[in-house]
Amino acid sequence: MTLATYTTADISKQLGVPKHIITYLCNRGLVPHIKRTRLGYRTFNQEQVNLIEILLKMRQAGFSSAELRQYSRLYRQGDSTAEERLAMLTTHKHQLQQEIKERQQAIDFIERQEELSRQKSEESAE
């Protein structure tokens, strides 16, 4: 029985990201044990595809390269690191929530200033 393997192009199409992003993750050592064909093309198993998808979503969520590296290392160590990975995710989630709160405060400020400017503009037009 042979396990399904995927190329960089397959993963790119499946996940909707450019091939160079997947190559970047591999070149940074975030996806371990990548096999190559006789022609030098990378091939991936399903577990590696799963890790790539996780890393891409984390990257999109603003995780740093160092955090991605740490998470990848923990992920590869298996279930024994689930608690540590959860702590990383929870911490980052709280940071994002704080950032959203601060951005909303900035939007609220801008909206108040816009309203004041509109009122002054209408008063001066009268």
PDB file of N, CA and C in Angstrom:
ATOM      1  N   MET A   1       0.849  -1.187   0.000  1.00  0.00           N
ATOM      2  CA  MET A   1       0.000   0.000   0.000  1.00  0.00           C
ATOM      3  C   MET A   1       0.894   1.251   0.000  1.00  0.00           C
ATOM      4  N   THR A   2       0.672   2.140  -0.934  1.00  0.00           N
ATOM      5  CA  THR A   2       1.443   3.371  -0.980  1.00  0.00           C
ATOM      6  C   THR A   2       0.600   4.516  -0.434  1.00  0.00           C
ATOM      7  N   LEU A   3       1.253   5.365   0.301  1.00  0.00           N
ATOM      8  CA  LEU A   3       0.561   6.525   0.852  1.00  0.00           C
ATOM      9  C   LEU A   3       0.472   7.602  -0.211  1.00  0.00           C
ATOM     10  N   ALA A   4      -0.587   8.387  -0.151  1.00  0.00           N
ATOM     11  CA  ALA A   4      -0.754   9.480  -1.103  1.00  0.00           C
ATOM     12  C   ALA A   4       0.354  10.501  -0.888  1.00  0.00           C
ATOM     13  N   THR A   5       0.888  10.986  -1.987  1.00  0.00           N
ATOM     14  CA  THR A   5       1.875  12.051  -1.913  1.00  0.00           C
ATOM     15  C   THR A   5       1.392  13.217  -2.752  1.00  0.00           C
ATOM     16  N   TYR A   6       1.854  14.377  -2.388  1.00  0.00           N
ATOM     17  CA  TYR A   6       1.431  15.611  -3.036  1.00  0.00           C
ATOM     18  C   TYR A   6       2.659  16.407  -3.437  1.00  0.00           C
ATOM     19  N   THR A   7       2.546  17.121  -4.521  1.00  0.00           N
ATOM     20  CA  THR A   7       3.618  18.017  -4.952  1.00  0.00           C
ATOM     21  C   THR A   7       3.338  19.417  -4.417  1.00  0.00           C
ATOM     22  N   THR A   8       4.321  20.280  -4.566  1.00  0.00           N
ATOM     23  CA  THR A   8       4.130  21.679  -4.188  1.00  0.00           C
ATOM     24  C   THR A   8       2.963  22.275  -4.964  1.00  0.00           C
ATOM     25  N   ALA A   9       2.861  21.939  -6.245  1.00  0.00           N
ATOM     26  CA  ALA A   9       1.765  22.449  -7.071  1.00  0.00           C
ATOM     27  C   ALA A   9       0.415  21.951  -6.565  1.00  0.00           C
ATOM     28  N   ASP A  10       0.346  20.677  -6.158  1.00  0.00           N
ATOM     29  CA  ASP A  10      -0.899  20.121  -5.618  1.00  0.00           C
ATOM     30  C   ASP A  10      -1.348  20.892  -4.376  1.00  0.00           C
ATOM     31  N   ILE A  11      -0.402  21.113  -3.480  1.00  0.00           N
ATOM     32  CA  ILE A  11      -0.718  21.808  -2.217  1.00  0.00           C
ATOM     33  C   ILE A  11      -1.095  23.254  -2.499  1.00  0.00           C
ATOM     34  N   SER A  12      -0.380  23.868  -3.415  1.00  0.00           N
ATOM     35  CA  SER A  12      -0.664  25.251  -3.793  1.00  0.00           C
ATOM     36  C   SER A  12      -2.108  25.381  -4.267  1.00  0.00           C
ATOM     37  N   LYS A  13      -2.501  24.476  -5.118  1.00  0.00           N
ATOM     38  CA  LYS A  13      -3.871  24.505  -5.661  1.00  0.00           C
ATOM     39  C   LYS A  13      -4.891  24.194  -4.565  1.00  0.00           C
ATOM     40  N   GLN A  14      -4.600  23.176  -3.765  1.00  0.00           N
ATOM     41  CA  GLN A  14      -5.516  22.752  -2.696  1.00  0.00           C
ATOM     42  C   GLN A  14      -5.744  23.848  -1.665  1.00  0.00           C
ATOM     43  N   LEU A  15      -4.666  24.553  -1.285  1.00  0.00           N
ATOM     44  CA  LEU A  15      -4.764  25.554  -0.226  1.00  0.00           C
ATOM     45  C   LEU A  15      -4.944  26.974  -0.753  1.00  0.00           C
ATOM     46  N   GLY A  16      -4.829  27.140  -2.073  1.00  0.00           N
ATOM     47  CA  GLY A  16      -5.039  28.462  -2.664  1.00  0.00           C
ATOM     48  C   GLY A  16      -3.949  29.461  -2.343  1.00  0.00           C
ATOM     49  N   VAL A  17      -2.714  28.992  -2.294  1.00  0.00           N
ATOM     50  CA  VAL A  17      -1.580  29.889  -2.036  1.00  0.00           C
ATOM     51  C   VAL A  17      -0.525  29.684  -3.121  1.00  0.00           C
ATOM     52  N   PRO A  18       0.278  30.700  -3.395  1.00  0.00           N
ATOM     53  CA  PRO A  18       1.336  30.541  -4.394  1.00  0.00           C
ATOM     54  C   PRO A  18       2.359  29.477  -3.965  1.00  0.00           C
ATOM     55  N   LYS A  19       2.925  28.802  -4.944  1.00  0.00           N
ATOM     56  CA  LYS A  19       3.912  27.752  -4.666  1.00  0.00           C
ATOM     57  C   LYS A  19       5.105  28.280  -3.879  1.00  0.00           C
ATOM     58  N   HIS A  20       5.489  29.528  -4.161  1.00  0.00           N
ATOM     59  CA  HIS A  20       6.683  30.042  -3.483  1.00  0.00           C
ATOM     60  C   HIS A  20       6.490  30.167  -1.972  1.00  0.00           C
ATOM     61  N   ILE A  21       5.262  30.309  -1.518  1.00  0.00           N
ATOM     62  CA  ILE A  21       4.997  30.374  -0.073  1.00  0.00           C
ATOM     63  C   ILE A  21       5.277  29.010   0.562  1.00  0.00           C
ATOM     64  N   ILE A  22       4.849  27.957  -0.094  1.00  0.00           N
ATOM     65  CA  ILE A  22       5.097  26.606   0.417  1.00  0.00           C
ATOM     66  C   ILE A  22       6.599  26.322   0.409  1.00  0.00           C
ATOM     67  N   THR A  23       7.251  26.707  -0.668  1.00  0.00           N
ATOM     68  CA  THR A  23       8.699  26.538  -0.766  1.00  0.00           C
ATOM     69  C   THR A  23       9.402  27.298   0.347  1.00  0.00           C
ATOM     70  N   TYR A  24       8.928  28.507   0.631  1.00  0.00           N
ATOM     71  CA  TYR A  24       9.499  29.327   1.707  1.00  0.00           C
ATOM     72  C   TYR A  24       9.423  28.587   3.038  1.00  0.00           C
ATOM     73  N   LEU A  25       8.248  28.033   3.354  1.00  0.00           N
ATOM     74  CA  LEU A  25       8.085  27.301   4.616  1.00  0.00           C
ATOM     75  C   LEU A  25       9.050  26.125   4.691  1.00  0.00           C
ATOM     76  N   CYS A  26       9.213  25.442   3.573  1.00  0.00           N
ATOM     77  CA  CYS A  26      10.126  24.290   3.528  1.00  0.00           C
ATOM     78  C   CYS A  26      11.570  24.737   3.698  1.00  0.00           C
ATOM     79  N   ASN A  27      11.950  25.795   2.997  1.00  0.00           N
ATOM     80  CA  ASN A  27      13.322  26.286   3.069  1.00  0.00           C
ATOM     81  C   ASN A  27      13.678  26.798   4.460  1.00  0.00           C
ATOM     82  N   ARG A  28      12.682  27.250   5.211  1.00  0.00           N
ATOM     83  CA  ARG A  28      12.908  27.734   6.585  1.00  0.00           C
ATOM     84  C   ARG A  28      12.976  26.576   7.585  1.00  0.00           C
ATOM     85  N   GLY A  29      12.798  25.354   7.111  1.00  0.00           N
ATOM     86  CA  GLY A  29      12.886  24.188   7.979  1.00  0.00           C
ATOM     87  C   GLY A  29      11.641  23.930   8.798  1.00  0.00           C
ATOM     88  N   LEU A  30      10.528  24.526   8.401  1.00  0.00           N
ATOM     89  CA  LEU A  30       9.295  24.378   9.170  1.00  0.00           C
ATOM     90  C   LEU A  30       8.554  23.086   8.855  1.00  0.00           C
ATOM     91  N   VAL A  31       8.846  22.492   7.713  1.00  0.00           N
ATOM     92  CA  VAL A  31       8.220  21.234   7.308  1.00  0.00           C
ATOM     93  C   VAL A  31       9.345  20.205   7.174  1.00  0.00           C
ATOM     94  N   PRO A  32       9.408  19.273   8.110  1.00  0.00           N
ATOM     95  CA  PRO A  32      10.538  18.339   8.131  1.00  0.00           C
ATOM     96  C   PRO A  32      10.346  17.140   7.203  1.00  0.00           C
ATOM     97  N   HIS A  33      11.438  16.465   6.959  1.00  0.00           N
ATOM     98  CA  HIS A  33      11.457  15.166   6.275  1.00  0.00           C
ATOM     99  C   HIS A  33      10.794  15.181   4.906  1.00  0.00           C
ATOM    100  N   ILE A  34      11.058  16.207   4.149  1.00  0.00           N
ATOM    101  CA  ILE A  34      10.489  16.296   2.808  1.00  0.00           C
ATOM    102  C   ILE A  34      11.288  15.396   1.883  1.00  0.00           C
ATOM    103  N   LYS A  35      10.572  14.580   1.156  1.00  0.00           N
ATOM    104  CA  LYS A  35      11.215  13.704   0.184  1.00  0.00           C
ATOM    105  C   LYS A  35      11.229  14.406  -1.169  1.00  0.00           C
ATOM    106  N   ARG A  36      12.117  13.954  -2.031  1.00  0.00           N
ATOM    107  CA  ARG A  36      12.215  14.512  -3.374  1.00  0.00           C
ATOM    108  C   ARG A  36      12.171  13.397  -4.407  1.00  0.00           C
ATOM    109  N   THR A  37      11.620  13.725  -5.547  1.00  0.00           N
ATOM    110  CA  THR A  37      11.606  12.773  -6.649  1.00  0.00           C
ATOM    111  C   THR A  37      13.000  12.717  -7.269  1.00  0.00           C
ATOM    112  N   ARG A  38      13.189  11.805  -8.211  1.00  0.00           N
ATOM    113  CA  ARG A  38      14.478  11.715  -8.902  1.00  0.00           C
ATOM    114  C   ARG A  38      14.817  13.022  -9.609  1.00  0.00           C
ATOM    115  N   LEU A  39      13.796  13.762  -9.988  1.00  0.00           N
ATOM    116  CA  LEU A  39      14.019  15.041 -10.677  1.00  0.00           C
ATOM    117  C   LEU A  39      14.180  16.215  -9.705  1.00  0.00           C
ATOM    118  N   GLY A  40      14.071  15.927  -8.420  1.00  0.00           N
ATOM    119  CA  GLY A  40      14.295  16.966  -7.413  1.00  0.00           C
ATOM    120  C   GLY A  40      13.044  17.679  -6.927  1.00  0.00           C
ATOM    121  N   TYR A  41      11.875  17.263  -7.389  1.00  0.00           N
ATOM    122  CA  TYR A  41      10.644  17.895  -6.930  1.00  0.00           C
ATOM    123  C   TYR A  41      10.290  17.406  -5.527  1.00  0.00           C
ATOM    124  N   ARG A  42       9.837  18.326  -4.702  1.00  0.00           N
ATOM    125  CA  ARG A  42       9.428  17.960  -3.349  1.00  0.00           C
ATOM    126  C   ARG A  42       8.127  17.156  -3.413  1.00  0.00           C
ATOM    127  N   THR A  43       8.019  16.177  -2.513  1.00  0.00           N
ATOM    128  CA  THR A  43       6.756  15.458  -2.347  1.00  0.00           C
ATOM    129  C   THR A  43       6.410  15.467  -0.859  1.00  0.00           C
ATOM    130  N   PHE A  44       5.135  15.530  -0.573  1.00  0.00           N
ATOM    131  CA  PHE A  44       4.649  15.674   0.792  1.00  0.00           C
ATOM    132  C   PHE A  44       3.627  14.586   1.092  1.00  0.00           C
ATOM    133  N   ASN A  45       3.609  14.157   2.352  1.00  0.00           N
ATOM    134  CA  ASN A  45       2.545  13.252   2.783  1.00  0.00           C
ATOM    135  C   ASN A  45       1.425  14.089   3.409  1.00  0.00           C
ATOM    136  N   GLN A  46       0.330  13.432   3.768  1.00  0.00           N
ATOM    137  CA  GLN A  46      -0.832  14.162   4.287  1.00  0.00           C
ATOM    138  C   GLN A  46      -0.512  14.897   5.589  1.00  0.00           C
ATOM    139  N   GLU A  47       0.292  14.299   6.439  1.00  0.00           N
ATOM    140  CA  GLU A  47       0.659  14.955   7.705  1.00  0.00           C
ATOM    141  C   GLU A  47       1.418  16.259   7.438  1.00  0.00           C
ATOM    142  N   GLN A  48       2.290  16.252   6.459  1.00  0.00           N
ATOM    143  CA  GLN A  48       3.034  17.467   6.109  1.00  0.00           C
ATOM    144  C   GLN A  48       2.102  18.521   5.518  1.00  0.00           C
ATOM    145  N   VAL A  49       1.139  18.079   4.716  1.00  0.00           N
ATOM    146  CA  VAL A  49       0.149  19.013   4.157  1.00  0.00           C
ATOM    147  C   VAL A  49      -0.649  19.650   5.284  1.00  0.00           C
ATOM    148  N   ASN A  50      -1.033  18.841   6.274  1.00  0.00           N
ATOM    149  CA  ASN A  50      -1.780  19.372   7.423  1.00  0.00           C
ATOM    150  C   ASN A  50      -0.961  20.434   8.154  1.00  0.00           C
ATOM    151  N   LEU A  51       0.326  20.150   8.361  1.00  0.00           N
ATOM    152  CA  LEU A  51       1.198  21.106   9.041  1.00  0.00           C
ATOM    153  C   LEU A  51       1.330  22.388   8.222  1.00  0.00           C
ATOM    154  N   ILE A  52       1.496  22.257   6.924  1.00  0.00           N
ATOM    155  CA  ILE A  52       1.599  23.441   6.058  1.00  0.00           C
ATOM    156  C   ILE A  52       0.341  24.295   6.182  1.00  0.00           C
ATOM    157  N   GLU A  53      -0.809  23.655   6.176  1.00  0.00           N
ATOM    158  CA  GLU A  53      -2.066  24.406   6.287  1.00  0.00           C
ATOM    159  C   GLU A  53      -2.146  25.149   7.620  1.00  0.00           C
ATOM    160  N   ILE A  54      -1.754  24.494   8.692  1.00  0.00           N
ATOM    161  CA  ILE A  54      -1.749  25.131  10.010  1.00  0.00           C
ATOM    162  C   ILE A  54      -0.805  26.332  10.011  1.00  0.00           C
ATOM    163  N   LEU A  55       0.405  26.132   9.502  1.00  0.00           N
ATOM    164  CA  LEU A  55       1.396  27.205   9.483  1.00  0.00           C
ATOM    165  C   LEU A  55       0.929  28.388   8.645  1.00  0.00           C
ATOM    166  N   LEU A  56       0.277  28.105   7.525  1.00  0.00           N
ATOM    167  CA  LEU A  56      -0.226  29.192   6.683  1.00  0.00           C
ATOM    168  C   LEU A  56      -1.298  30.008   7.404  1.00  0.00           C
ATOM    169  N   LYS A  57      -2.184  29.320   8.107  1.00  0.00           N
ATOM    170  CA  LYS A  57      -3.235  30.020   8.856  1.00  0.00           C
ATOM    171  C   LYS A  57      -2.626  30.824  10.005  1.00  0.00           C
ATOM    172  N   MET A  58      -1.627  30.260  10.657  1.00  0.00           N
ATOM    173  CA  MET A  58      -0.968  30.985  11.743  1.00  0.00           C
ATOM    174  C   MET A  58      -0.243  32.214  11.204  1.00  0.00           C
ATOM    175  N   ARG A  59       0.389  32.052  10.060  1.00  0.00           N
ATOM    176  CA  ARG A  59       1.088  33.182   9.418  1.00  0.00           C
ATOM    177  C   ARG A  59       0.089  34.293   9.094  1.00  0.00           C
ATOM    178  N   GLN A  60      -1.063  33.882   8.580  1.00  0.00           N
ATOM    179  CA  GLN A  60      -2.127  34.834   8.252  1.00  0.00           C
ATOM    180  C   GLN A  60      -2.633  35.532   9.514  1.00  0.00           C
ATOM    181  N   ALA A  61      -2.603  34.829  10.638  1.00  0.00           N
ATOM    182  CA  ALA A  61      -3.067  35.395  11.909  1.00  0.00           C
ATOM    183  C   ALA A  61      -2.003  36.258  12.576  1.00  0.00           C
ATOM    184  N   GLY A  62      -0.838  36.386  11.939  1.00  0.00           N
ATOM    185  CA  GLY A  62       0.170  37.302  12.445  1.00  0.00           C
ATOM    186  C   GLY A  62       1.246  36.685  13.325  1.00  0.00           C
ATOM    187  N   PHE A  63       1.339  35.375  13.357  1.00  0.00           N
ATOM    188  CA  PHE A  63       2.409  34.750  14.127  1.00  0.00           C
ATOM    189  C   PHE A  63       3.748  35.077  13.480  1.00  0.00           C
ATOM    190  N   SER A  64       4.753  35.298  14.294  1.00  0.00           N
ATOM    191  CA  SER A  64       6.097  35.611  13.796  1.00  0.00           C
ATOM    192  C   SER A  64       6.770  34.339  13.275  1.00  0.00           C
ATOM    193  N   SER A  65       7.858  34.520  12.549  1.00  0.00           N
ATOM    194  CA  SER A  65       8.634  33.374  12.051  1.00  0.00           C
ATOM    195  C   SER A  65       9.121  32.519  13.209  1.00  0.00           C
ATOM    196  N   ALA A  66       9.556  33.158  14.278  1.00  0.00           N
ATOM    197  CA  ALA A  66      10.039  32.414  15.449  1.00  0.00           C
ATOM    198  C   ALA A  66       8.905  31.592  16.067  1.00  0.00           C
ATOM    199  N   GLU A  67       7.715  32.174  16.133  1.00  0.00           N
ATOM    200  CA  GLU A  67       6.569  31.449  16.684  1.00  0.00           C
ATOM    201  C   GLU A  67       6.185  30.278  15.793  1.00  0.00           C
ATOM    202  N   LEU A  68       6.237  30.487  14.478  1.00  0.00           N
ATOM    203  CA  LEU A  68       5.945  29.394  13.548  1.00  0.00           C
ATOM    204  C   LEU A  68       6.954  28.266  13.727  1.00  0.00           C
ATOM    205  N   ARG A  69       8.204  28.616  13.871  1.00  0.00           N
ATOM    206  CA  ARG A  69       9.267  27.626  14.058  1.00  0.00           C
ATOM    207  C   ARG A  69       9.025  26.826  15.348  1.00  0.00           C
ATOM    208  N   GLN A  70       8.702  27.552  16.413  1.00  0.00           N
ATOM    209  CA  GLN A  70       8.436  26.890  17.690  1.00  0.00           C
ATOM    210  C   GLN A  70       7.217  25.974  17.591  1.00  0.00           C
ATOM    211  N   TYR A  71       6.144  26.474  16.980  1.00  0.00           N
ATOM    212  CA  TYR A  71       4.932  25.677  16.863  1.00  0.00           C
ATOM    213  C   TYR A  71       5.198  24.424  16.029  1.00  0.00           C
ATOM    214  N   SER A  72       5.916  24.581  14.927  1.00  0.00           N
ATOM    215  CA  SER A  72       6.237  23.448  14.065  1.00  0.00           C
ATOM    216  C   SER A  72       7.023  22.394  14.842  1.00  0.00           C
ATOM    217  N   ARG A  73       7.993  22.838  15.620  1.00  0.00           N
ATOM    218  CA  ARG A  73       8.794  21.914  16.432  1.00  0.00           C
ATOM    219  C   ARG A  73       7.903  21.161  17.417  1.00  0.00           C
ATOM    220  N   LEU A  74       7.022  21.877  18.091  1.00  0.00           N
ATOM    221  CA  LEU A  74       6.119  21.259  19.060  1.00  0.00           C
ATOM    222  C   LEU A  74       5.141  20.306  18.374  1.00  0.00           C
ATOM    223  N   TYR A  75       4.616  20.715  17.241  1.00  0.00           N
ATOM    224  CA  TYR A  75       3.659  19.903  16.489  1.00  0.00           C
ATOM    225  C   TYR A  75       4.287  18.561  16.125  1.00  0.00           C
ATOM    226  N   ARG A  76       5.527  18.600  15.685  1.00  0.00           N
ATOM    227  CA  ARG A  76       6.219  17.382  15.272  1.00  0.00           C
ATOM    228  C   ARG A  76       6.495  16.459  16.455  1.00  0.00           C
ATOM    229  N   GLN A  77       6.538  17.020  17.658  1.00  0.00           N
ATOM    230  CA  GLN A  77       6.784  16.203  18.850  1.00  0.00           C
ATOM    231  C   GLN A  77       5.539  15.433  19.282  1.00  0.00           C
ATOM    232  N   GLY A  78       4.395  15.833  18.744  1.00  0.00           N
ATOM    233  CA  GLY A  78       3.183  15.058  18.994  1.00  0.00           C
ATOM    234  C   GLY A  78       2.311  15.581  20.119  1.00  0.00           C
ATOM    235  N   ASP A  79       1.407  14.699  20.531  1.00  0.00           N
ATOM    236  CA  ASP A  79       0.374  15.062  21.498  1.00  0.00           C
ATOM    237  C   ASP A  79       0.915  15.492  22.855  1.00  0.00           C
ATOM    238  N   SER A  80       2.114  15.079  23.182  1.00  0.00           N
ATOM    239  CA  SER A  80       2.675  15.450  24.487  1.00  0.00           C
ATOM    240  C   SER A  80       2.885  16.960  24.604  1.00  0.00           C
ATOM    241  N   THR A  81       2.880  17.675  23.482  1.00  0.00           N
ATOM    242  CA  THR A  81       3.084  19.129  23.503  1.00  0.00           C
ATOM    243  C   THR A  81       1.783  19.903  23.281  1.00  0.00           C
ATOM    244  N   ALA A  82       0.660  19.198  23.313  1.00  0.00           N
ATOM    245  CA  ALA A  82      -0.633  19.843  23.038  1.00  0.00           C
ATOM    246  C   ALA A  82      -0.890  21.024  23.973  1.00  0.00           C
ATOM    247  N   GLU A  83      -0.550  20.875  25.232  1.00  0.00           N
ATOM    248  CA  GLU A  83      -0.799  21.944  26.208  1.00  0.00           C
ATOM    249  C   GLU A  83       0.034  23.190  25.882  1.00  0.00           C
ATOM    250  N   GLU A  84       1.286  22.984  25.510  1.00  0.00           N
ATOM    251  CA  GLU A  84       2.160  24.105  25.172  1.00  0.00           C
ATOM    252  C   GLU A  84       1.685  24.806  23.893  1.00  0.00           C
ATOM    253  N   ARG A  85       1.232  24.007  22.925  1.00  0.00           N
ATOM    254  CA  ARG A  85       0.702  24.598  21.686  1.00  0.00           C
ATOM    255  C   ARG A  85      -0.570  25.386  21.968  1.00  0.00           C
ATOM    256  N   LEU A  86      -1.414  24.839  22.824  1.00  0.00           N
ATOM    257  CA  LEU A  86      -2.638  25.534  23.206  1.00  0.00           C
ATOM    258  C   LEU A  86      -2.311  26.867  23.870  1.00  0.00           C
ATOM    259  N   ALA A  87      -1.310  26.879  24.729  1.00  0.00           N
ATOM    260  CA  ALA A  87      -0.913  28.118  25.409  1.00  0.00           C
ATOM    261  C   ALA A  87      -0.440  29.157  24.393  1.00  0.00           C
ATOM    262  N   MET A  88       0.323  28.718  23.394  1.00  0.00           N
ATOM    263  CA  MET A  88       0.779  29.646  22.344  1.00  0.00           C
ATOM    264  C   MET A  88      -0.405  30.253  21.606  1.00  0.00           C
ATOM    265  N   LEU A  89      -1.344  29.394  21.223  1.00  0.00           N
ATOM    266  CA  LEU A  89      -2.514  29.853  20.476  1.00  0.00           C
ATOM    267  C   LEU A  89      -3.365  30.802  21.313  1.00  0.00           C
ATOM    268  N   THR A  90      -3.574  30.445  22.570  1.00  0.00           N
ATOM    269  CA  THR A  90      -4.402  31.267  23.463  1.00  0.00           C
ATOM    270  C   THR A  90      -3.769  32.637  23.685  1.00  0.00           C
ATOM    271  N   THR A  91      -2.463  32.657  23.905  1.00  0.00           N
ATOM    272  CA  THR A  91      -1.760  33.927  24.095  1.00  0.00           C
ATOM    273  C   THR A  91      -1.901  34.812  22.874  1.00  0.00           C
ATOM    274  N   HIS A  92      -1.711  34.233  21.706  1.00  0.00           N
ATOM    275  CA  HIS A  92      -1.807  35.015  20.472  1.00  0.00           C
ATOM    276  C   HIS A  92      -3.239  35.501  20.244  1.00  0.00           C
ATOM    277  N   LYS A  93      -4.206  34.653  20.574  1.00  0.00           N
ATOM    278  CA  LYS A  93      -5.610  35.054  20.438  1.00  0.00           C
ATOM    279  C   LYS A  93      -5.904  36.271  21.307  1.00  0.00           C
ATOM    280  N   HIS A  94      -5.410  36.257  22.541  1.00  0.00           N
ATOM    281  CA  HIS A  94      -5.630  37.399  23.450  1.00  0.00           C
ATOM    282  C   HIS A  94      -4.960  38.665  22.902  1.00  0.00           C
ATOM    283  N   GLN A  95      -3.781  38.512  22.324  1.00  0.00           N
ATOM    284  CA  GLN A  95      -3.097  39.659  21.719  1.00  0.00           C
ATOM    285  C   GLN A  95      -3.919  40.216  20.561  1.00  0.00           C
ATOM    286  N   LEU A  96      -4.466  39.329  19.732  1.00  0.00           N
ATOM    287  CA  LEU A  96      -5.302  39.778  18.614  1.00  0.00           C
ATOM    288  C   LEU A  96      -6.570  40.466  19.110  1.00  0.00           C
ATOM    289  N   GLN A  97      -7.168  39.922  20.161  1.00  0.00           N
ATOM    290  CA  GLN A  97      -8.371  40.536  20.713  1.00  0.00           C
ATOM    291  C   GLN A  97      -8.063  41.937  21.250  1.00  0.00           C
ATOM    292  N   GLN A  98      -6.915  42.103  21.888  1.00  0.00           N
ATOM    293  CA  GLN A  98      -6.512  43.415  22.385  1.00  0.00           C
ATOM    294  C   GLN A  98      -6.296  44.372  21.211  1.00  0.00           C
ATOM    295  N   GLU A  99      -5.666  43.863  20.162  1.00  0.00           N
ATOM    296  CA  GLU A  99      -5.425  44.677  18.976  1.00  0.00           C
ATOM    297  C   GLU A  99      -6.751  45.116  18.337  1.00  0.00           C
ATOM    298  N   ILE A 100      -7.709  44.205  18.276  1.00  0.00           N
ATOM    299  CA  ILE A 100      -9.031  44.538  17.733  1.00  0.00           C
ATOM    300  C   ILE A 100      -9.690  45.621  18.574  1.00  0.00           C
ATOM    301  N   LYS A 101      -9.593  45.491  19.891  1.00  0.00           N
ATOM    302  CA  LYS A 101     -10.174  46.483  20.801  1.00  0.00           C
ATOM    303  C   LYS A 101      -9.556  47.857  20.551  1.00  0.00           C
ATOM    304  N   GLU A 102      -8.224  47.894  20.423  1.00  0.00           N
ATOM    305  CA  GLU A 102      -7.536  49.162  20.178  1.00  0.00           C
ATOM    306  C   GLU A 102      -7.912  49.738  18.809  1.00  0.00           C
ATOM    307  N   ARG A 103      -8.020  48.894  17.829  1.00  0.00           N
ATOM    308  CA  ARG A 103      -8.421  49.370  16.486  1.00  0.00           C
ATOM    309  C   ARG A 103      -9.841  49.917  16.508  1.00  0.00           C
ATOM    310  N   GLN A 104     -10.724  49.241  17.248  1.00  0.00           N
ATOM    311  CA  GLN A 104     -12.099  49.718  17.336  1.00  0.00           C
ATOM    312  C   GLN A 104     -12.152  51.078  18.025  1.00  0.00           C
ATOM    313  N   GLN A 105     -11.331  51.278  19.037  1.00  0.00           N
ATOM    314  CA  GLN A 105     -11.273  52.577  19.703  1.00  0.00           C
ATOM    315  C   GLN A 105     -10.797  53.654  18.724  1.00  0.00           C
ATOM    316  N   ALA A 106      -9.840  53.310  17.889  1.00  0.00           N
ATOM    317  CA  ALA A 106      -9.354  54.258  16.887  1.00  0.00           C
ATOM    318  C   ALA A 106     -10.448  54.587  15.874  1.00  0.00           C
ATOM    319  N   ILE A 107     -11.196  53.570  15.454  1.00  0.00           N
ATOM    320  CA  ILE A 107     -12.306  53.795  14.518  1.00  0.00           C
ATOM    321  C   ILE A 107     -13.360  54.680  15.163  1.00  0.00           C
ATOM    322  N   ASP A 108     -13.689  54.410  16.420  1.00  0.00           N
ATOM    323  CA  ASP A 108     -14.677  55.221  17.139  1.00  0.00           C
ATOM    324  C   ASP A 108     -14.225  56.682  17.207  1.00  0.00           C
ATOM    325  N   PHE A 109     -12.949  56.914  17.492  1.00  0.00           N
ATOM    326  CA  PHE A 109     -12.398  58.265  17.535  1.00  0.00           C
ATOM    327  C   PHE A 109     -12.549  58.952  16.176  1.00  0.00           C
ATOM    328  N   ILE A 110     -12.174  58.244  15.131  1.00  0.00           N
ATOM    329  CA  ILE A 110     -12.263  58.822  13.778  1.00  0.00           C
ATOM    330  C   ILE A 110     -13.703  59.153  13.434  1.00  0.00           C
ATOM    331  N   GLU A 111     -14.616  58.279  13.776  1.00  0.00           N
ATOM    332  CA  GLU A 111     -16.029  58.536  13.487  1.00  0.00           C
ATOM    333  C   GLU A 111     -16.527  59.768  14.241  1.00  0.00           C
ATOM    334  N   ARG A 112     -16.098  59.940  15.489  1.00  0.00           N
ATOM    335  CA  ARG A 112     -16.481  61.142  16.242  1.00  0.00           C
ATOM    336  C   ARG A 112     -15.922  62.395  15.576  1.00  0.00           C
ATOM    337  N   GLN A 113     -14.671  62.326  15.153  1.00  0.00           N
ATOM    338  CA  GLN A 113     -14.047  63.474  14.486  1.00  0.00           C
ATOM    339  C   GLN A 113     -14.729  63.775  13.151  1.00  0.00           C
ATOM    340  N   GLU A 114     -15.108  62.735  12.430  1.00  0.00           N
ATOM    341  CA  GLU A 114     -15.835  62.945  11.178  1.00  0.00           C
ATOM    342  C   GLU A 114     -17.158  63.653  11.437  1.00  0.00           C
ATOM    343  N   GLU A 115     -17.857  63.215  12.461  1.00  0.00           N
ATOM    344  CA  GLU A 115     -19.151  63.821  12.787  1.00  0.00           C
ATOM    345  C   GLU A 115     -18.972  65.283  13.188  1.00  0.00           C
ATOM    346  N   LEU A 116     -17.972  65.577  13.999  1.00  0.00           N
ATOM    347  CA  LEU A 116     -17.705  66.957  14.378  1.00  0.00           C
ATOM    348  C   LEU A 116     -17.355  67.798  13.144  1.00  0.00           C
ATOM    349  N   SER A 117     -16.557  67.254  12.265  1.00  0.00           N
ATOM    350  CA  SER A 117     -16.176  67.976  11.041  1.00  0.00           C
ATOM    351  C   SER A 117     -17.391  68.215  10.152  1.00  0.00           C
ATOM    352  N   ARG A 118     -18.274  67.233  10.057  1.00  0.00           N
ATOM    353  CA  ARG A 118     -19.492  67.420   9.255  1.00  0.00           C
ATOM    354  C   ARG A 118     -20.353  68.538   9.839  1.00  0.00           C
ATOM    355  N   GLN A 119     -20.498  68.528  11.164  1.00  0.00           N
ATOM    356  CA  GLN A 119     -21.317  69.547  11.820  1.00  0.00           C
ATOM    357  C   GLN A 119     -20.733  70.928  11.568  1.00  0.00           C
ATOM    358  N   LYS A 120     -19.427  71.071  11.710  1.00  0.00           N
ATOM    359  CA  LYS A 120     -18.784  72.372  11.486  1.00  0.00           C
ATOM    360  C   LYS A 120     -18.906  72.790  10.019  1.00  0.00           C
ATOM    361  N   SER A 121     -18.815  71.843   9.136  1.00  0.00           N
ATOM    362  CA  SER A 121     -18.937  72.129   7.706  1.00  0.00           C
ATOM    363  C   SER A 121     -20.353  72.614   7.385  1.00  0.00           C
ATOM    364  N   GLU A 122     -21.332  71.963   7.976  1.00  0.00           N
ATOM    365  CA  GLU A 122     -22.738  72.369   7.750  1.00  0.00           C
ATOM    366  C   GLU A 122     -23.012  73.724   8.355  1.00  0.00           C
ATOM    367  N   GLU A 123     -22.449  74.003   9.539  1.00  0.00           N
ATOM    368  CA  GLU A 123     -22.644  75.299  10.191  1.00  0.00           C
ATOM    369  C   GLU A 123     -22.029  76.424   9.358  1.00  0.00           C
ATOM    370  N   SER A 124     -20.861  76.175   8.788  1.00  0.00           N
ATOM    371  CA  SER A 124     -20.199  77.218   8.019  1.00  0.00           C
ATOM    372  C   SER A 124     -20.871  77.419   6.663  1.00  0.00           C
ATOM    373  N   ALA A 125     -21.610  76.429   6.188  1.00  0.00           N
ATOM    374  CA  ALA A 125     -22.316  76.552   4.910  1.00  0.00           C
ATOM    375  C   ALA A 125     -23.609  77.359   5.066  1.00  0.00           C
ATOM    376  N   GLU A 126     -24.089  77.457   6.278  1.00  0.00           N
ATOM    377  CA  GLU A 126     -25.339  78.176   6.508  1.00  0.00           C
ATOM    378  C   GLU A 126     -25.176  79.646   6.507  1.00  0.00           C
TER     379      GLU A 126
END
